[in-house]
Amino acid sequence: MIDKELLEILACPKCKSEVRLDETAQRIVCTSPMCGLRYPIRDGIPVMLIDEAEKPTGA
């Protein structure tokens, strides 16, 4: 779905932390425990906009 090389250069636009791919939910997830925003993937393209991101559960 998302190229590994692309995933390696992506960073969370809010906190600049690394991100990981959640294939099940089709999301890019920030790895920072303080941020944890989840960015949607639409038509195979990650939407890395803070306004489009979902907050982590319980936040």
N, C-alpha and C. Protein backbone atom coordinates (compact mmCIF):
# COMPACT_ATOMS: atom_id res chain seq x y z
N MET A 1 0.82 -1.18 0.00
CA MET A 1 0.00 0.00 0.00
C MET A 1 0.87 1.26 0.00
N ILE A 2 1.72 1.43 1.02
CA ILE A 2 2.63 2.57 1.08
C ILE A 2 4.06 2.03 0.94
N ASP A 3 4.81 2.66 0.08
CA ASP A 3 6.19 2.25 -0.17
C ASP A 3 7.02 2.43 1.11
N LYS A 4 7.86 1.43 1.43
CA LYS A 4 8.69 1.48 2.64
C LYS A 4 9.61 2.70 2.65
N GLU A 5 10.16 3.03 1.50
CA GLU A 5 11.06 4.18 1.42
C GLU A 5 10.32 5.48 1.73
N LEU A 6 9.09 5.60 1.27
CA LEU A 6 8.28 6.78 1.57
C LEU A 6 8.00 6.85 3.06
N LEU A 7 7.63 5.74 3.64
CA LEU A 7 7.32 5.69 5.07
C LEU A 7 8.53 6.10 5.91
N GLU A 8 9.72 5.74 5.46
CA GLU A 8 10.94 6.08 6.20
C GLU A 8 11.22 7.57 6.22
N ILE A 9 10.79 8.31 5.20
CA ILE A 9 11.07 9.75 5.16
C ILE A 9 9.93 10.59 5.72
N LEU A 10 8.77 9.98 5.92
CA LEU A 10 7.64 10.73 6.48
C LEU A 10 7.86 10.98 7.97
N ALA A 11 7.35 12.10 8.44
CA ALA A 11 7.38 12.44 9.86
C ALA A 11 6.05 13.10 10.21
N CYS A 12 5.69 13.02 11.46
CA CYS A 12 4.46 13.67 11.92
C CYS A 12 4.62 15.18 11.73
N PRO A 13 3.68 15.83 11.04
CA PRO A 13 3.81 17.27 10.82
C PRO A 13 3.65 18.09 12.10
N LYS A 14 3.03 17.51 13.11
CA LYS A 14 2.81 18.26 14.36
C LYS A 14 4.04 18.23 15.26
N CYS A 15 4.59 17.02 15.53
CA CYS A 15 5.68 16.90 16.50
C CYS A 15 7.00 16.45 15.87
N LYS A 16 6.99 16.13 14.58
CA LYS A 16 8.19 15.72 13.83
C LYS A 16 8.73 14.34 14.21
N SER A 17 7.94 13.53 14.92
CA SER A 17 8.36 12.18 15.28
C SER A 17 8.18 11.23 14.11
N GLU A 18 8.79 10.05 14.23
CA GLU A 18 8.63 9.02 13.21
C GLU A 18 7.18 8.55 13.19
N VAL A 19 6.81 7.96 12.07
CA VAL A 19 5.47 7.42 11.92
C VAL A 19 5.56 5.95 11.52
N ARG A 20 4.47 5.23 11.74
CA ARG A 20 4.40 3.83 11.33
C ARG A 20 3.10 3.63 10.57
N LEU A 21 3.06 2.56 9.82
CA LEU A 21 1.88 2.23 9.03
C LEU A 21 1.00 1.27 9.82
N ASP A 22 -0.28 1.61 9.91
CA ASP A 22 -1.28 0.70 10.48
C ASP A 22 -2.12 0.24 9.30
N GLU A 23 -1.73 -0.90 8.72
CA GLU A 23 -2.40 -1.39 7.51
C GLU A 23 -3.86 -1.76 7.77
N THR A 24 -4.14 -2.29 8.94
CA THR A 24 -5.51 -2.70 9.26
C THR A 24 -6.47 -1.51 9.21
N ALA A 25 -6.06 -0.41 9.82
CA ALA A 25 -6.92 0.78 9.87
C ALA A 25 -6.68 1.73 8.70
N GLN A 26 -5.72 1.40 7.85
CA GLN A 26 -5.33 2.26 6.73
C GLN A 26 -5.03 3.67 7.21
N ARG A 27 -4.07 3.74 8.13
CA ARG A 27 -3.67 5.01 8.70
C ARG A 27 -2.15 5.05 8.87
N ILE A 28 -1.61 6.25 8.89
CA ILE A 28 -0.24 6.51 9.28
C ILE A 28 -0.33 7.02 10.72
N VAL A 29 0.41 6.39 11.63
CA VAL A 29 0.29 6.71 13.05
C VAL A 29 1.60 7.29 13.56
N CYS A 30 1.52 8.41 14.26
CA CYS A 30 2.68 9.02 14.90
C CYS A 30 3.12 8.12 16.05
N THR A 31 4.42 7.88 16.18
CA THR A 31 4.94 6.99 17.21
C THR A 31 5.18 7.69 18.54
N SER A 32 5.04 9.00 18.60
CA SER A 32 5.25 9.73 19.85
C SER A 32 4.09 9.49 20.82
N PRO A 33 4.38 9.07 22.05
CA PRO A 33 3.31 8.86 23.02
C PRO A 33 2.62 10.17 23.43
N MET A 34 3.30 11.30 23.23
CA MET A 34 2.71 12.58 23.57
C MET A 34 1.78 13.10 22.46
N CYS A 35 1.96 12.63 21.26
CA CYS A 35 1.17 13.11 20.11
C CYS A 35 0.20 12.01 19.66
N GLY A 36 0.73 11.01 18.97
CA GLY A 36 -0.08 9.85 18.56
C GLY A 36 -1.15 10.11 17.52
N LEU A 37 -1.06 11.22 16.80
CA LEU A 37 -2.07 11.50 15.78
C LEU A 37 -2.09 10.40 14.72
N ARG A 38 -3.28 10.17 14.16
CA ARG A 38 -3.45 9.15 13.12
C ARG A 38 -3.92 9.83 11.85
N TYR A 39 -3.12 9.69 10.80
CA TYR A 39 -3.40 10.35 9.53
C TYR A 39 -4.01 9.35 8.54
N PRO A 40 -5.09 9.74 7.87
CA PRO A 40 -5.75 8.81 6.94
C PRO A 40 -4.94 8.59 5.66
N ILE A 41 -5.20 7.47 5.03
CA ILE A 41 -4.65 7.18 3.71
C ILE A 41 -5.84 7.10 2.76
N ARG A 42 -5.84 7.96 1.76
CA ARG A 42 -6.94 7.99 0.79
C ARG A 42 -6.41 7.69 -0.59
N ASP A 43 -6.98 6.68 -1.21
CA ASP A 43 -6.57 6.26 -2.56
C ASP A 43 -5.06 6.01 -2.62
N GLY A 44 -4.51 5.42 -1.54
CA GLY A 44 -3.10 5.08 -1.50
C GLY A 44 -2.17 6.23 -1.20
N ILE A 45 -2.74 7.41 -0.86
CA ILE A 45 -1.93 8.60 -0.58
C ILE A 45 -2.14 9.03 0.87
N PRO A 46 -1.06 9.12 1.66
CA PRO A 46 -1.21 9.57 3.03
C PRO A 46 -1.57 11.05 3.08
N VAL A 47 -2.59 11.37 3.85
CA VAL A 47 -3.03 12.76 4.02
C VAL A 47 -2.41 13.26 5.33
N MET A 48 -1.25 13.89 5.20
CA MET A 48 -0.47 14.30 6.36
C MET A 48 -0.78 15.74 6.77
N LEU A 49 -2.06 16.02 6.97
CA LEU A 49 -2.51 17.34 7.40
C LEU A 49 -3.01 17.23 8.84
N ILE A 50 -2.55 18.10 9.71
CA ILE A 50 -2.95 18.05 11.12
C ILE A 50 -4.46 18.16 11.25
N ASP A 51 -5.09 19.01 10.44
CA ASP A 51 -6.54 19.19 10.51
C ASP A 51 -7.32 17.94 10.11
N GLU A 52 -6.70 17.05 9.33
CA GLU A 52 -7.36 15.82 8.88
C GLU A 52 -7.07 14.63 9.80
N ALA A 53 -6.15 14.80 10.74
CA ALA A 53 -5.72 13.71 11.61
C ALA A 53 -6.75 13.45 12.72
N GLU A 54 -6.77 12.19 13.18
CA GLU A 54 -7.60 11.82 14.32
C GLU A 54 -6.72 11.76 15.56
N LYS A 55 -7.28 12.19 16.68
CA LYS A 55 -6.55 12.09 17.92
C LYS A 55 -6.59 10.64 18.39
N PRO A 56 -5.58 10.23 19.17
CA PRO A 56 -5.58 8.86 19.68
C PRO A 56 -6.76 8.62 20.61
N THR A 57 -7.15 7.37 20.73
CA THR A 57 -8.25 7.00 21.59
C THR A 57 -7.94 7.41 23.03
N GLY A 58 -8.92 8.03 23.67
CA GLY A 58 -8.74 8.46 25.05
C GLY A 58 -8.11 9.83 25.22
N ALA A 59 -7.84 10.51 24.10
CA ALA A 59 -7.21 11.83 24.22
C ALA A 59 -8.23 12.93 24.08
